[in-house]
C-alpha cells in the first residue's frame, strides 16, 4: 500500500529531492501540495480530502502554529514532518495528549529518560 504524502511550502528543488527519494523507495505518492500563501484552514481541508498520511512542510510556512493545532490532535492518523528552511534537518511531530499536571509530569519523565 502506498503512503499518501502532502507537501506544504516546498521550494521546487526540495520537492524534486523528495520525489527522487520516493522513487528510490517504492510506496509513496505525493497527493497534494499547498503554497505559503494558502490559509491553514484551507490546507487542513485539502489534507483531509486527499487522505494524506504524511504531511511535510518547512519552518517558513506562515501559518505553521495554526496548522499544527488543526493537524496534531490525539488520534490523528497524520504524521507531520517539519523541515528546516534549508532542508538539512527534519522533525517528526506528534501530539502528546492531555495537559493535566500529572500528564505534563509524565511527559517530562519520558523526555528526560
Protein backbone atom coordinates (compact mmCIF):
# COMPACT_ATOMS: atom_id res chain seq x y z
CA UNK A 1 0.00 0.00 0.00
CA UNK A 2 1.30 3.44 -0.91
CA UNK A 3 1.83 6.19 1.64
CA UNK A 4 -0.04 9.36 0.71
CA UNK A 5 2.14 12.47 1.13
CA UNK A 6 1.11 16.14 1.14
CA UNK A 7 3.76 18.86 0.69
CA UNK A 8 3.40 22.41 2.05
CA UNK A 9 5.58 25.41 1.24
CA UNK A 10 8.18 23.34 -0.56
CA UNK A 11 10.58 25.12 -2.86
CA UNK A 12 10.81 23.40 -6.25
CA UNK A 13 14.24 21.92 -5.51
CA UNK A 14 13.05 20.37 -2.25
CA UNK A 15 10.00 18.90 -4.00
CA UNK A 16 12.29 17.32 -6.59
CA UNK A 17 14.58 15.87 -3.90
CA UNK A 18 11.57 14.37 -2.09
CA UNK A 19 10.21 12.95 -5.35
CA UNK A 20 13.62 11.44 -6.16
CA UNK A 21 13.82 9.87 -2.70
CA UNK A 22 10.36 8.38 -3.18
CA UNK A 23 11.32 6.76 -6.48
CA UNK A 24 14.18 5.01 -4.67
CA UNK A 25 11.75 3.78 -2.02
CA UNK A 26 8.59 2.48 -3.67
CA UNK A 27 5.32 3.09 -1.92
CA UNK A 28 4.99 6.87 -1.62
CA UNK A 29 2.68 9.12 -3.62
CA UNK A 30 2.56 12.90 -3.45
CA UNK A 31 -1.19 13.51 -3.36
CA UNK A 32 -1.24 17.28 -2.91
CA UNK A 33 0.68 20.48 -2.40
CA UNK A 34 -0.02 23.88 -0.87
CA UNK A 35 1.84 27.16 -1.08
CA UNK A 36 2.90 29.51 1.69
CA UNK A 37 0.09 31.90 0.79
CA UNK A 38 -2.61 29.27 1.46
CA UNK A 39 -4.52 29.64 4.73
CA UNK A 40 -4.15 26.93 7.39
CA UNK A 41 -7.87 26.10 7.33
CA UNK A 42 -7.79 25.56 3.54
CA UNK A 43 -4.64 23.46 3.83
CA UNK A 44 -6.10 21.29 6.59
CA UNK A 45 -9.23 20.68 4.49
CA UNK A 46 -7.09 19.78 1.46
CA UNK A 47 -5.02 17.37 3.54
CA UNK A 48 -8.17 15.69 4.84
CA UNK A 49 -9.72 15.48 1.37
CA UNK A 50 -6.65 13.73 -0.09
CA UNK A 51 -6.41 11.26 2.78
CA UNK A 52 -2.74 12.15 3.23
CA UNK A 53 -0.96 10.13 5.89
CA UNK A 54 2.23 12.21 5.92
CA UNK A 55 2.47 15.98 5.73
CA UNK A 56 5.85 17.57 5.00
CA UNK A 57 6.32 21.30 5.45
CA UNK A 58 9.08 23.79 6.09
CA UNK A 59 9.57 26.02 9.10
CA UNK A 60 8.88 29.00 6.82
CA UNK A 61 5.15 28.29 6.46
CA UNK A 62 3.49 31.48 7.70
CA UNK A 63 0.57 29.77 9.47
CA UNK A 64 2.59 26.95 10.98
CA UNK A 65 1.18 27.25 14.51
CA UNK A 66 -2.44 27.29 13.33
CA UNK A 67 -1.88 24.30 11.04
CA UNK A 68 -0.20 22.34 13.85
CA UNK A 69 -3.23 22.93 16.07
CA UNK A 70 -5.52 21.66 13.32
CA UNK A 71 -3.46 18.55 12.49
CA UNK A 72 -1.87 17.47 15.75
CA UNK A 73 -4.87 16.18 17.61
CA UNK A 74 -4.84 12.96 19.63
CA UNK A 75 -5.74 10.00 17.45
CA UNK A 76 -4.90 11.80 14.20
CA UNK A 77 -3.65 9.40 11.52
CA UNK A 78 -1.46 12.15 10.01
CA UNK A 79 2.29 12.14 10.60
CA UNK A 80 3.83 15.59 10.43
CA UNK A 81 7.40 16.17 9.27
CA UNK A 82 8.72 19.70 9.62
CA UNK A 83 11.86 20.50 7.66
CA UNK A 84 14.17 23.41 8.28
CA UNK A 85 14.04 26.07 5.57
CA UNK A 86 17.36 24.86 4.13
CA UNK A 87 16.14 21.24 4.08
CA UNK A 88 19.06 19.91 6.12
CA UNK A 89 17.04 18.65 9.09
CA UNK A 90 13.56 17.30 9.70
CA UNK A 91 11.49 16.72 12.82
CA UNK A 92 8.66 14.23 13.32
CA UNK A 93 5.90 15.85 15.39
CA UNK A 94 3.10 14.09 17.21
CA UNK A 95 0.51 15.03 19.82
CA UNK A 96 1.35 14.35 23.44
CA UNK A 97 -2.23 14.13 24.68
CA UNK A 98 -3.86 15.79 27.66
CA UNK A 99 -2.14 18.60 29.53
CA UNK A 100 -3.12 17.96 33.14
CA UNK A 101 -0.33 18.49 35.70
CA UNK A 102 0.12 14.73 36.05
CA UNK A 103 0.23 14.23 32.26
CA UNK A 104 2.83 17.00 31.91
CA UNK A 105 4.98 15.38 34.61
CA UNK A 106 4.73 12.04 32.80
CA UNK A 107 5.72 13.67 29.50
CA UNK A 108 8.74 15.30 31.12
CA UNK A 109 9.71 11.97 32.71
CA UNK A 110 9.67 10.32 29.25
CA UNK A 111 11.68 13.15 27.71
CA UNK A 112 14.32 13.03 30.45
CA UNK A 113 14.94 9.29 30.06
